[in-house]
Amino acid sequence: MATVSTYTSSESSRASGSFDPSSESTSRSTRMGNSSVVGLVRELVDEAGALARTEIELVRTETKANLSTAQQAVGAMAGGAAVLHAGILALAACAILALDRIWPSWLAALVVGGVLTAIGGALVAGAKQKIRADALKPRHTLNTLQRTADFMRDQKQRATEKWQ
């Protein structure tokens, strides 16, 4: 009993190792005829959905990495701040006791407290600059999304021009 070959020309050329992708799209378009537009639109919608899911997963991954880094930095800052606080209290007591010899106790405590408050305010302002919302943005993903949107806009314009 003879078997009937159902290979298309592109499939046989692919099997023989001389596959040409441009001939594949041409033969596919020829085979599909008028229904090729519907098939292409369906394929475009499927691929756009897959692309959107991939981009969302990329945003999640990048955001988790950024937040993890920020959490580690905040933990290290908190630990350092606790030790620093104890050291500053000891130094403040020492400075107050030293200044108490030349000024009244209340004035010595006021001067040391004012200096430490100014230094602490400057340190908090500097740390606040490092932990800002802009540093947590998933820049790579946002850039990729912008490029994808530009590409899709360009493809839509080309298709519109082609079919008019």
N, C-alpha and C. Protein backbone atom coordinates (compact mmCIF):
# COMPACT_ATOMS: atom_id res chain seq x y z
N MET A 1 0.84 -1.16 0.00
CA MET A 1 0.00 0.00 0.00
C MET A 1 0.89 1.23 0.00
N ALA A 2 0.65 2.16 -0.87
CA ALA A 2 1.48 3.36 -0.98
C ALA A 2 0.97 4.43 -0.01
N THR A 3 1.92 5.14 0.60
CA THR A 3 1.53 6.23 1.48
C THR A 3 1.63 7.53 0.72
N VAL A 4 0.73 8.41 1.02
CA VAL A 4 0.69 9.71 0.34
C VAL A 4 1.47 10.70 1.18
N SER A 5 2.39 11.42 0.55
CA SER A 5 3.19 12.42 1.26
C SER A 5 2.36 13.69 1.42
N THR A 6 2.32 14.19 2.63
CA THR A 6 1.57 15.41 2.89
C THR A 6 2.50 16.58 3.16
N TYR A 7 3.77 16.46 2.79
CA TYR A 7 4.73 17.55 2.97
C TYR A 7 4.41 18.69 2.01
N THR A 8 4.50 19.87 2.49
CA THR A 8 4.44 21.03 1.61
C THR A 8 5.86 21.28 1.12
N SER A 9 5.99 22.16 0.17
CA SER A 9 7.32 22.43 -0.38
C SER A 9 8.25 22.99 0.70
N SER A 10 7.71 23.82 1.59
CA SER A 10 8.56 24.40 2.64
C SER A 10 8.96 23.33 3.64
N GLU A 11 8.06 22.38 3.93
CA GLU A 11 8.40 21.33 4.88
C GLU A 11 9.44 20.39 4.30
N SER A 12 9.34 20.09 3.00
CA SER A 12 10.34 19.22 2.40
C SER A 12 11.69 19.93 2.32
N SER A 13 11.69 21.24 2.04
CA SER A 13 12.96 21.96 2.00
C SER A 13 13.54 22.08 3.41
N ARG A 14 12.68 22.17 4.41
CA ARG A 14 13.15 22.22 5.79
C ARG A 14 13.77 20.88 6.16
N ALA A 15 13.13 19.78 5.74
CA ALA A 15 13.63 18.45 6.05
C ALA A 15 14.96 18.19 5.35
N SER A 16 15.14 18.75 4.18
CA SER A 16 16.39 18.53 3.44
C SER A 16 17.50 19.46 3.89
N GLY A 17 17.19 20.41 4.76
CA GLY A 17 18.22 21.30 5.29
C GLY A 17 18.38 22.58 4.51
N SER A 18 17.57 22.83 3.51
CA SER A 18 17.68 24.07 2.72
C SER A 18 16.47 24.96 2.96
N PHE A 19 16.12 25.15 4.19
CA PHE A 19 14.93 25.91 4.55
C PHE A 19 15.18 27.40 4.38
N ASP A 20 14.24 28.07 3.73
CA ASP A 20 14.31 29.52 3.54
C ASP A 20 13.07 30.12 4.19
N PRO A 21 13.24 30.90 5.29
CA PRO A 21 12.08 31.43 6.01
C PRO A 21 11.20 32.32 5.14
N SER A 22 11.78 33.06 4.20
CA SER A 22 10.96 33.93 3.36
C SER A 22 10.03 33.12 2.47
N SER A 23 10.49 31.95 2.00
CA SER A 23 9.61 31.12 1.17
C SER A 23 8.51 30.51 2.02
N GLU A 24 8.80 30.29 3.31
CA GLU A 24 7.79 29.75 4.22
C GLU A 24 6.64 30.73 4.36
N SER A 25 6.93 32.00 4.60
CA SER A 25 5.86 32.97 4.79
C SER A 25 5.10 33.18 3.49
N THR A 26 5.80 33.15 2.37
CA THR A 26 5.14 33.32 1.08
C THR A 26 4.20 32.15 0.80
N SER A 27 4.69 30.92 1.01
CA SER A 27 3.84 29.77 0.73
C SER A 27 2.69 29.69 1.73
N ARG A 28 2.94 30.10 2.98
CA ARG A 28 1.86 30.09 3.96
C ARG A 28 0.78 31.08 3.55
N SER A 29 1.19 32.28 3.11
CA SER A 29 0.22 33.29 2.69
C SER A 29 -0.57 32.80 1.49
N THR A 30 0.10 32.15 0.55
CA THR A 30 -0.57 31.65 -0.64
C THR A 30 -1.58 30.57 -0.26
N ARG A 31 -1.19 29.67 0.64
CA ARG A 31 -2.09 28.59 1.05
C ARG A 31 -3.31 29.13 1.77
N MET A 32 -3.11 30.16 2.61
CA MET A 32 -4.20 30.63 3.44
C MET A 32 -5.16 31.53 2.67
N GLY A 33 -4.71 32.18 1.63
CA GLY A 33 -5.58 33.02 0.84
C GLY A 33 -6.13 34.17 1.64
N ASN A 34 -7.44 34.38 1.55
CA ASN A 34 -8.08 35.49 2.23
C ASN A 34 -8.13 35.32 3.74
N SER A 35 -8.10 34.09 4.20
CA SER A 35 -8.17 33.88 5.65
C SER A 35 -6.84 34.20 6.33
N SER A 36 -5.80 34.54 5.57
CA SER A 36 -4.50 34.82 6.16
C SER A 36 -4.55 36.06 7.04
N VAL A 37 -5.35 37.04 6.69
CA VAL A 37 -5.45 38.25 7.49
C VAL A 37 -6.02 37.91 8.87
N VAL A 38 -7.06 37.10 8.89
CA VAL A 38 -7.65 36.68 10.16
C VAL A 38 -6.64 35.88 10.98
N GLY A 39 -5.93 34.98 10.31
CA GLY A 39 -4.93 34.18 11.00
C GLY A 39 -3.80 35.03 11.54
N LEU A 40 -3.36 36.00 10.75
CA LEU A 40 -2.29 36.88 11.19
C LEU A 40 -2.72 37.74 12.37
N VAL A 41 -3.96 38.23 12.33
CA VAL A 41 -4.48 39.04 13.44
C VAL A 41 -4.57 38.18 14.69
N ARG A 42 -5.07 36.95 14.53
CA ARG A 42 -5.17 36.05 15.68
C ARG A 42 -3.77 35.77 16.26
N GLU A 43 -2.81 35.51 15.38
CA GLU A 43 -1.44 35.26 15.82
C GLU A 43 -0.85 36.49 16.51
N LEU A 44 -1.15 37.67 15.96
CA LEU A 44 -0.67 38.91 16.56
C LEU A 44 -1.24 39.11 17.96
N VAL A 45 -2.53 38.82 18.12
CA VAL A 45 -3.17 38.96 19.42
C VAL A 45 -2.58 37.96 20.42
N ASP A 46 -2.37 36.73 19.96
CA ASP A 46 -1.77 35.72 20.85
C ASP A 46 -0.36 36.13 21.27
N GLU A 47 0.43 36.59 20.32
CA GLU A 47 1.81 36.98 20.63
C GLU A 47 1.84 38.24 21.50
N ALA A 48 0.91 39.16 21.28
CA ALA A 48 0.85 40.36 22.13
C ALA A 48 0.49 39.97 23.56
N GLY A 49 -0.41 39.02 23.73
CA GLY A 49 -0.76 38.55 25.06
C GLY A 49 0.43 37.88 25.75
N ALA A 50 1.14 37.04 25.00
CA ALA A 50 2.33 36.39 25.56
C ALA A 50 3.39 37.42 25.92
N LEU A 51 3.54 38.42 25.07
CA LEU A 51 4.51 39.48 25.35
C LEU A 51 4.12 40.26 26.60
N ALA A 52 2.85 40.56 26.74
CA ALA A 52 2.38 41.28 27.92
C ALA A 52 2.62 40.47 29.19
N ARG A 53 2.34 39.16 29.14
CA ARG A 53 2.59 38.31 30.31
C ARG A 53 4.07 38.27 30.65
N THR A 54 4.92 38.20 29.63
CA THR A 54 6.37 38.18 29.86
C THR A 54 6.83 39.50 30.47
N GLU A 55 6.32 40.61 29.98
CA GLU A 55 6.70 41.92 30.50
C GLU A 55 6.24 42.08 31.95
N ILE A 56 5.06 41.60 32.27
CA ILE A 56 4.55 41.67 33.64
C ILE A 56 5.45 40.85 34.57
N GLU A 57 5.84 39.67 34.13
CA GLU A 57 6.74 38.84 34.94
C GLU A 57 8.09 39.52 35.12
N LEU A 58 8.57 40.21 34.09
CA LEU A 58 9.83 40.94 34.19
C LEU A 58 9.71 42.08 35.20
N VAL A 59 8.58 42.78 35.19
CA VAL A 59 8.35 43.85 36.17
C VAL A 59 8.37 43.28 37.58
N ARG A 60 7.69 42.16 37.78
CA ARG A 60 7.65 41.54 39.10
C ARG A 60 9.05 41.15 39.57
N THR A 61 9.80 40.51 38.71
CA THR A 61 11.14 40.05 39.07
C THR A 61 12.05 41.23 39.40
N GLU A 62 12.03 42.24 38.55
CA GLU A 62 12.91 43.39 38.78
C GLU A 62 12.50 44.16 40.04
N THR A 63 11.21 44.30 40.27
CA THR A 63 10.73 44.99 41.46
C THR A 63 11.12 44.24 42.73
N LYS A 64 10.99 42.90 42.70
CA LYS A 64 11.39 42.11 43.86
C LYS A 64 12.88 42.28 44.14
N ALA A 65 13.69 42.27 43.10
CA ALA A 65 15.14 42.45 43.29
C ALA A 65 15.45 43.82 43.88
N ASN A 66 14.79 44.86 43.36
CA ASN A 66 15.01 46.21 43.88
C ASN A 66 14.57 46.33 45.33
N LEU A 67 13.43 45.76 45.66
CA LEU A 67 12.93 45.83 47.04
C LEU A 67 13.82 45.03 47.99
N SER A 68 14.33 43.90 47.53
CA SER A 68 15.22 43.11 48.36
C SER A 68 16.49 43.89 48.68
N THR A 69 17.03 44.55 47.69
CA THR A 69 18.22 45.37 47.90
C THR A 69 17.92 46.51 48.88
N ALA A 70 16.79 47.14 48.72
CA ALA A 70 16.41 48.23 49.62
C ALA A 70 16.20 47.73 51.05
N GLN A 71 15.59 46.56 51.20
CA GLN A 71 15.38 46.00 52.53
C GLN A 71 16.71 45.70 53.22
N GLN A 72 17.65 45.16 52.48
CA GLN A 72 18.96 44.88 53.06
C GLN A 72 19.65 46.17 53.48
N ALA A 73 19.54 47.21 52.67
CA ALA A 73 20.16 48.49 52.99
C ALA A 73 19.51 49.10 54.23
N VAL A 74 18.20 49.01 54.33
CA VAL A 74 17.51 49.56 55.50
C VAL A 74 17.88 48.79 56.76
N GLY A 75 17.99 47.48 56.67
CA GLY A 75 18.40 46.67 57.82
C GLY A 75 19.80 47.03 58.29
N ALA A 76 20.71 47.19 57.35
CA ALA A 76 22.08 47.57 57.70
C ALA A 76 22.11 48.97 58.32
N MET A 77 21.31 49.86 57.77
CA MET A 77 21.26 51.21 58.33
C MET A 77 20.70 51.20 59.75
N ALA A 78 19.69 50.38 60.01
CA ALA A 78 19.10 50.32 61.34
C ALA A 78 20.10 49.77 62.35
N GLY A 79 20.80 48.72 61.99
CA GLY A 79 21.82 48.16 62.89
C GLY A 79 22.93 49.16 63.17
N GLY A 80 23.41 49.80 62.12
CA GLY A 80 24.45 50.81 62.29
C GLY A 80 23.96 52.00 63.11
N ALA A 81 22.71 52.36 62.91
CA ALA A 81 22.16 53.49 63.65
C ALA A 81 22.06 53.19 65.14
N ALA A 82 21.73 51.96 65.50
CA ALA A 82 21.62 51.59 66.92
C ALA A 82 22.99 51.69 67.61
N VAL A 83 24.02 51.16 66.95
CA VAL A 83 25.37 51.23 67.52
C VAL A 83 25.85 52.68 67.56
N LEU A 84 25.59 53.40 66.50
CA LEU A 84 25.98 54.79 66.44
C LEU A 84 25.29 55.61 67.54
N HIS A 85 24.06 55.31 67.79
CA HIS A 85 23.30 56.01 68.83
C HIS A 85 23.95 55.83 70.20
N ALA A 86 24.33 54.58 70.51
CA ALA A 86 24.97 54.32 71.80
C ALA A 86 26.29 55.09 71.91
N GLY A 87 27.07 55.10 70.84
CA GLY A 87 28.33 55.83 70.85
C GLY A 87 28.13 57.33 70.99
N ILE A 88 27.14 57.85 70.32
CA ILE A 88 26.87 59.29 70.40
C ILE A 88 26.41 59.67 71.81
N LEU A 89 25.61 58.82 72.44
CA LEU A 89 25.18 59.11 73.82
C LEU A 89 26.38 59.18 74.77
N ALA A 90 27.31 58.23 74.59
CA ALA A 90 28.50 58.24 75.44
C ALA A 90 29.34 59.49 75.19
N LEU A 91 29.52 59.84 73.92
CA LEU A 91 30.29 61.04 73.59
C LEU A 91 29.57 62.32 74.05
N ALA A 92 28.27 62.32 73.97
CA ALA A 92 27.51 63.48 74.42
C ALA A 92 27.67 63.67 75.93
N ALA A 93 27.61 62.56 76.67
CA ALA A 93 27.80 62.65 78.12
C ALA A 93 29.21 63.17 78.44
N CYS A 94 30.19 62.69 77.70
CA CYS A 94 31.57 63.14 77.89
C CYS A 94 31.70 64.64 77.59
N ALA A 95 31.10 65.08 76.49
CA ALA A 95 31.18 66.50 76.11
C ALA A 95 30.47 67.38 77.14
N ILE A 96 29.33 66.92 77.64
CA ILE A 96 28.60 67.71 78.64
C ILE A 96 29.43 67.83 79.92
N LEU A 97 30.05 66.72 80.33
CA LEU A 97 30.87 66.75 81.54
C LEU A 97 32.09 67.66 81.36
N ALA A 98 32.68 67.67 80.17
CA ALA A 98 33.84 68.53 79.91
C ALA A 98 33.43 70.00 79.89
N LEU A 99 32.31 70.31 79.23
CA LEU A 99 31.86 71.70 79.16
C LEU A 99 31.29 72.19 80.50
N ASP A 100 30.88 71.26 81.34
CA ASP A 100 30.34 71.61 82.66
C ASP A 100 31.41 72.31 83.53
N ARG A 101 32.65 72.11 83.23
CA ARG A 101 33.73 72.73 84.00
C ARG A 101 33.84 74.23 83.70
N ILE A 102 33.44 74.63 82.45
CA ILE A 102 33.57 76.06 82.10
C ILE A 102 32.23 76.76 81.97
N TRP A 103 31.14 76.03 81.74
CA TRP A 103 29.81 76.62 81.62
C TRP A 103 28.89 75.99 82.65
N PRO A 104 27.75 76.61 82.84
CA PRO A 104 26.75 75.95 83.71
C PRO A 104 26.27 74.64 83.05
N SER A 105 25.83 73.69 83.82
CA SER A 105 25.42 72.37 83.31
C SER A 105 24.33 72.47 82.24
N TRP A 106 23.34 73.31 82.45
CA TRP A 106 22.25 73.44 81.50
C TRP A 106 22.74 73.95 80.15
N LEU A 107 23.71 74.89 80.14
CA LEU A 107 24.24 75.43 78.90
C LEU A 107 25.09 74.39 78.17
N ALA A 108 25.86 73.64 78.92
CA ALA A 108 26.68 72.58 78.30
C ALA A 108 25.78 71.54 77.62
N ALA A 109 24.72 71.12 78.31
CA ALA A 109 23.78 70.14 77.74
C ALA A 109 23.06 70.71 76.52
N LEU A 110 22.70 71.99 76.57
CA LEU A 110 22.02 72.64 75.44
C LEU A 110 22.92 72.70 74.21
N VAL A 111 24.15 73.09 74.38
CA VAL A 111 25.08 73.19 73.24
C VAL A 111 25.32 71.82 72.63
N VAL A 112 25.64 70.83 73.45
CA VAL A 112 25.90 69.48 72.93
C VAL A 112 24.64 68.92 72.26
N GLY A 113 23.49 69.09 72.86
CA GLY A 113 22.24 68.61 72.25
C GLY A 113 21.94 69.29 70.93
N GLY A 114 22.18 70.59 70.85
CA GLY A 114 21.94 71.33 69.59
C GLY A 114 22.86 70.86 68.47
N VAL A 115 24.14 70.66 68.80
CA VAL A 115 25.10 70.18 67.78
C VAL A 115 24.71 68.79 67.30
N LEU A 116 24.39 67.90 68.21
CA LEU A 116 24.00 66.54 67.83
C LEU A 116 22.71 66.51 67.02
N THR A 117 21.78 67.37 67.35
CA THR A 117 20.52 67.45 66.59
C THR A 117 20.77 67.90 65.16
N ALA A 118 21.64 68.88 64.98
CA ALA A 118 21.97 69.36 63.63
C ALA A 118 22.66 68.26 62.81
N ILE A 119 23.60 67.56 63.43
CA ILE A 119 24.29 66.46 62.73
C ILE A 119 23.30 65.36 62.37
N GLY A 120 22.43 64.99 63.31
CA GLY A 120 21.43 63.95 63.05
C GLY A 120 20.48 64.32 61.93
N GLY A 121 20.06 65.58 61.90
CA GLY A 121 19.17 66.03 60.83
C GLY A 121 19.83 65.93 59.47
N ALA A 122 21.11 66.29 59.39
CA ALA A 122 21.84 66.20 58.12
C ALA A 122 21.97 64.74 57.68
N LEU A 123 22.24 63.83 58.62
CA LEU A 123 22.36 62.41 58.28
C LEU A 123 21.03 61.83 57.79
N VAL A 124 19.94 62.20 58.43
CA VAL A 124 18.61 61.70 58.02
C VAL A 124 18.27 62.22 56.62
N ALA A 125 18.57 63.49 56.36
CA ALA A 125 18.29 64.05 55.03
C ALA A 125 19.10 63.34 53.95
N GLY A 126 20.35 63.02 54.25
CA GLY A 126 21.19 62.30 53.28
C GLY A 126 20.67 60.89 53.01
N ALA A 127 20.24 60.20 54.07
CA ALA A 127 19.70 58.84 53.90
C ALA A 127 18.38 58.86 53.14
N LYS A 128 17.59 59.89 53.37
CA LYS A 128 16.30 60.01 52.69
C LYS A 128 16.50 60.16 51.18
N GLN A 129 17.56 60.84 50.78
CA GLN A 129 17.86 61.00 49.35
C GLN A 129 18.17 59.66 48.70
N LYS A 130 18.85 58.77 49.44
CA LYS A 130 19.23 57.48 48.90
C LYS A 130 18.03 56.54 48.75
N ILE A 131 17.07 56.66 49.64
CA ILE A 131 15.88 55.80 49.57
C ILE A 131 14.71 56.65 49.11
N ARG A 132 14.62 56.83 47.82
CA ARG A 132 13.51 57.57 47.24
C ARG A 132 12.79 56.64 46.27
N ALA A 133 11.60 56.98 45.94
CA ALA A 133 10.77 56.12 45.09
C ALA A 133 11.42 55.91 43.72
N ASP A 134 12.14 56.89 43.22
CA ASP A 134 12.76 56.77 41.91
C ASP A 134 13.79 55.64 41.86
N ALA A 135 14.46 55.39 42.98
CA ALA A 135 15.49 54.35 43.02
C ALA A 135 14.87 52.95 42.95
N LEU A 136 13.58 52.83 43.25
CA LEU A 136 12.92 51.53 43.24
C LEU A 136 12.21 51.23 41.92
N LYS A 137 12.25 52.16 40.98
CA LYS A 137 11.58 51.93 39.70
C LYS A 137 12.27 50.81 38.93
N PRO A 138 11.49 49.96 38.29
CA PRO A 138 12.09 48.94 37.42
C PRO A 138 12.48 49.56 36.07
N ARG A 139 13.61 50.26 36.05
CA ARG A 139 14.01 51.03 34.86
C ARG A 139 14.13 50.16 33.61
N HIS A 140 14.75 49.00 33.75
CA HIS A 140 14.95 48.13 32.58
C HIS A 140 13.61 47.72 31.98
N THR A 141 12.69 47.34 32.83
CA THR A 141 11.37 46.91 32.35
C THR A 141 10.62 48.07 31.71
N LEU A 142 10.67 49.24 32.33
CA LEU A 142 9.99 50.40 31.75
C LEU A 142 10.57 50.75 30.39
N ASN A 143 11.88 50.63 30.24
CA ASN A 143 12.52 50.88 28.95
C ASN A 143 12.05 49.86 27.91
N THR A 144 11.99 48.59 28.31
CA THR A 144 11.54 47.53 27.41
C THR A 144 10.09 47.75 27.00
N LEU A 145 9.26 48.13 27.96
CA LEU A 145 7.84 48.39 27.65
C LEU A 145 7.70 49.54 26.66
N GLN A 146 8.50 50.58 26.84
CA GLN A 146 8.45 51.72 25.92
C GLN A 146 8.87 51.30 24.52
N ARG A 147 9.94 50.50 24.42
CA ARG A 147 10.38 50.03 23.10
C ARG A 147 9.33 49.14 22.46
N THR A 148 8.68 48.29 23.26
CA THR A 148 7.64 47.42 22.74
C THR A 148 6.46 48.24 22.24
N ALA A 149 6.06 49.23 22.99
CA ALA A 149 4.94 50.09 22.57
C ALA A 149 5.29 50.83 21.28
N ASP A 150 6.52 51.33 21.18
CA ASP A 150 6.95 52.01 19.95
C ASP A 150 6.92 51.06 18.77
N PHE A 151 7.40 49.82 18.98
CA PHE A 151 7.41 48.83 17.91
C PHE A 151 5.99 48.50 17.46
N MET A 152 5.08 48.29 18.43
CA MET A 152 3.70 47.96 18.09
C MET A 152 3.02 49.11 17.34
N ARG A 153 3.31 50.34 17.76
CA ARG A 153 2.75 51.51 17.08
C ARG A 153 3.26 51.56 15.64
N ASP A 154 4.55 51.30 15.45
CA ASP A 154 5.13 51.30 14.12
C ASP A 154 4.52 50.20 13.25
N GLN A 155 4.34 49.01 13.82
CA GLN A 155 3.77 47.91 13.07
C GLN A 155 2.31 48.20 12.69
N LYS A 156 1.58 48.82 13.59
CA LYS A 156 0.19 49.18 13.31
C LYS A 156 0.13 50.19 12.16
N GLN A 157 1.03 51.16 12.21
CA GLN A 157 1.05 52.18 11.16
C GLN A 157 1.41 51.55 9.81
N ARG A 158 2.39 50.66 9.80
CA ARG A 158 2.78 49.99 8.55
C ARG A 158 1.63 49.16 7.98
N ALA A 159 0.95 48.43 8.89
CA ALA A 159 -0.17 47.60 8.44
C ALA A 159 -1.30 48.47 7.89
N THR A 160 -1.56 49.59 8.55
CA THR A 160 -2.61 50.49 8.11
C THR A 160 -2.27 51.06 6.73
N GLU A 161 -1.02 51.47 6.56
CA GLU A 161 -0.59 52.01 5.26
C GLU A 161 -0.67 50.95 4.17
N LYS A 162 -0.32 49.71 4.52
CA LYS A 162 -0.31 48.62 3.55
C LYS A 162 -1.71 48.29 3.06
N TRP A 163 -2.70 48.34 3.95
CA TRP A 163 -4.03 47.93 3.60
C TRP A 163 -4.91 49.05 3.08
N GLN A 164 -4.36 50.25 2.99
CA GLN A 164 -5.17 51.35 2.46
C GLN A 164 -4.95 51.53 0.99
